[in-house]
Amino acid sequence: QVQLVESGGGSVQSGGSLRLSCAASGNTETLYSLGWFRQAPGKEREGVAIIDKHGNTTSADSVRGRFTISQGDTKHTVFLQMNSLKSEDTAMYYCAARTGYTPPPPDWLLRKLAYNYYGQGTQVTVSS
């Protein structure tokens, strides 16, 4: 079992910045990758950015150039630096973890079913 705890959400005006953090605990030696998903009201949960244990990153087209994912020294912590925030970034942001020894297929990197643990979420609200 892996537990994920997010922090750092909040309210910000359009163009502002926020930094999300996620700490993993439990059976962390099985972690392959950590990442962020988001879900806006009435919409499907979508992948935002992920980073694997080798440091390889993948980001959604909608956030590339504005959001940066990084991991802590222990690789059990992941951060999401969000700059130039837009109203359409408003959503609940969830930390996600994939355990095991292999990555998902390339076209599954940002699919929610490729990750088997999720945190409780942290709300990000961007006002225009």
Protein backbone atom coordinates (compact mmCIF):
# COMPACT_ATOMS: atom_id res chain seq x y z
CA GLN A 1 0.00 0.00 0.00
CA VAL A 2 1.08 3.54 -0.77
CA GLN A 3 -0.40 6.63 0.84
CA LEU A 4 -0.30 10.02 -0.89
CA VAL A 5 -0.83 13.39 0.78
CA GLU A 6 -1.13 16.57 -1.26
CA SER A 7 -0.67 20.16 -0.13
CA GLY A 8 -0.31 23.62 -1.62
CA GLY A 9 -3.63 24.27 -3.30
CA GLY A 10 -5.49 27.53 -2.94
CA SER A 11 -7.01 30.48 -4.73
CA VAL A 12 -5.09 32.74 -7.06
CA GLN A 13 -5.80 35.29 -9.75
CA SER A 14 -5.26 34.58 -13.40
CA GLY A 15 -1.57 34.83 -14.28
CA GLY A 16 -0.50 33.86 -10.79
CA SER A 17 1.46 30.86 -9.53
CA LEU A 18 1.02 27.98 -7.11
CA ARG A 19 3.23 25.08 -6.06
CA LEU A 20 1.71 21.74 -5.17
CA SER A 21 3.48 19.10 -3.14
CA CYS A 22 2.79 15.41 -2.68
CA ALA A 23 4.45 13.10 -0.18
CA ALA A 24 4.28 9.34 -0.59
CA SER A 25 4.55 6.94 2.32
CA GLY A 26 4.10 3.26 2.96
CA ASN A 27 5.48 0.74 0.49
CA THR A 28 7.46 3.40 -1.41
CA GLU A 29 10.15 1.01 -2.65
CA THR A 30 7.59 -0.21 -5.18
CA LEU A 31 7.04 3.23 -6.71
CA TYR A 32 7.66 3.51 -10.45
CA SER A 33 6.25 6.97 -11.08
CA LEU A 34 4.41 9.84 -9.41
CA GLY A 35 2.30 12.47 -11.02
CA TRP A 36 -0.62 14.84 -11.01
CA PHE A 37 -4.13 14.53 -12.35
CA ARG A 38 -6.95 17.05 -12.15
CA GLN A 39 -10.71 16.97 -12.31
CA ALA A 40 -13.00 19.92 -12.85
CA PRO A 41 -16.73 19.71 -11.98
CA GLY A 42 -18.59 17.71 -14.59
CA LYS A 43 -15.42 16.64 -16.38
CA GLU A 44 -13.31 13.50 -16.52
CA ARG A 45 -10.12 13.21 -14.50
CA GLU A 46 -7.23 14.12 -16.78
CA GLY A 47 -3.49 13.66 -16.56
CA VAL A 48 -1.44 16.82 -16.03
CA ALA A 49 2.17 15.69 -15.59
CA ILE A 50 4.10 12.66 -14.43
CA ILE A 51 7.68 11.83 -13.53
CA ASP A 52 9.17 8.37 -13.28
CA LYS A 53 11.91 7.07 -11.02
CA HIS A 54 14.48 7.76 -13.75
CA GLY A 55 13.46 11.43 -13.90
CA ASN A 56 11.63 11.21 -17.23
CA THR A 57 8.69 13.61 -17.41
CA THR A 58 5.54 13.85 -19.49
CA SER A 59 3.13 16.78 -19.50
CA ALA A 60 -0.24 17.44 -21.06
CA ASP A 61 -0.29 19.82 -24.02
CA SER A 62 -2.57 22.18 -22.11
CA VAL A 63 0.04 22.86 -19.40
CA ARG A 64 3.33 22.43 -21.21
CA GLY A 65 5.48 25.53 -20.81
CA ARG A 66 3.50 26.69 -17.77
CA PHE A 67 3.65 23.76 -15.34
CA THR A 68 6.81 21.96 -14.23
CA ILE A 69 6.92 18.65 -12.39
CA SER A 70 9.90 17.70 -10.26
CA GLN A 71 10.77 15.22 -7.54
CA GLY A 72 12.48 15.54 -4.21
CA ASP A 73 15.81 14.03 -3.25
CA THR A 74 14.20 10.87 -1.92
CA LYS A 75 11.98 10.49 -5.02
CA HIS A 76 9.08 9.95 -2.63
CA THR A 77 8.01 13.56 -2.99
CA VAL A 78 6.75 15.24 -6.14
CA PHE A 79 6.10 18.91 -6.83
CA LEU A 80 4.07 20.73 -9.44
CA GLN A 81 5.08 24.33 -10.07
CA MET A 82 2.20 26.05 -11.82
CA ASN A 83 2.84 29.40 -13.47
CA SER A 84 0.70 31.62 -15.68
CA LEU A 85 -2.43 30.04 -14.26
CA LYS A 86 -5.66 30.36 -16.21
CA SER A 87 -9.28 30.04 -15.13
CA GLU A 88 -9.47 26.75 -17.02
CA ASP A 89 -6.85 25.32 -14.65
CA THR A 90 -9.43 25.44 -11.86
CA ALA A 91 -9.92 21.87 -10.61
CA MET A 92 -9.25 19.41 -7.83
CA TYR A 93 -5.67 18.24 -8.26
CA TYR A 94 -4.80 14.68 -7.30
CA CYS A 95 -1.43 13.12 -6.71
CA ALA A 96 -1.10 9.73 -8.41
CA ALA A 97 1.31 6.84 -8.06
CA ARG A 98 2.15 3.86 -10.20
CA THR A 99 3.86 0.93 -8.53
CA GLY A 100 5.74 -1.94 -10.11
CA TYR A 101 8.76 -2.37 -12.35
CA THR A 102 7.59 -1.27 -15.77
CA PRO A 103 6.13 1.92 -17.25
CA PRO A 104 2.75 1.97 -18.94
CA PRO A 105 2.66 2.01 -22.77
CA PRO A 106 3.69 5.45 -24.08
CA ASP A 107 0.15 6.44 -25.00
CA TRP A 108 -1.01 5.52 -21.48
CA LEU A 109 1.40 7.78 -19.58
CA LEU A 110 -1.33 10.32 -18.74
CA ARG A 111 -4.26 7.92 -18.47
CA LYS A 112 -5.82 7.55 -15.03
CA LEU A 113 -6.02 3.75 -15.28
CA ALA A 114 -2.22 3.53 -15.49
CA TYR A 115 -1.96 4.66 -11.85
CA ASN A 116 -3.10 2.56 -8.96
CA TYR A 117 -3.00 5.02 -6.05
CA TYR A 118 -4.48 8.49 -5.67
CA GLY A 119 -4.45 11.05 -2.90
CA GLN A 120 -7.44 12.90 -1.51
CA GLY A 121 -6.84 15.94 -3.67
CA THR A 122 -6.17 19.64 -3.20
CA GLN A 123 -8.34 22.37 -4.70
CA VAL A 124 -6.90 24.95 -7.08
CA THR A 125 -9.11 27.89 -7.98
CA VAL A 126 -8.05 30.51 -10.51
CA SER A 127 -10.16 33.63 -10.80
CA SER A 128 -10.12 35.88 -13.84
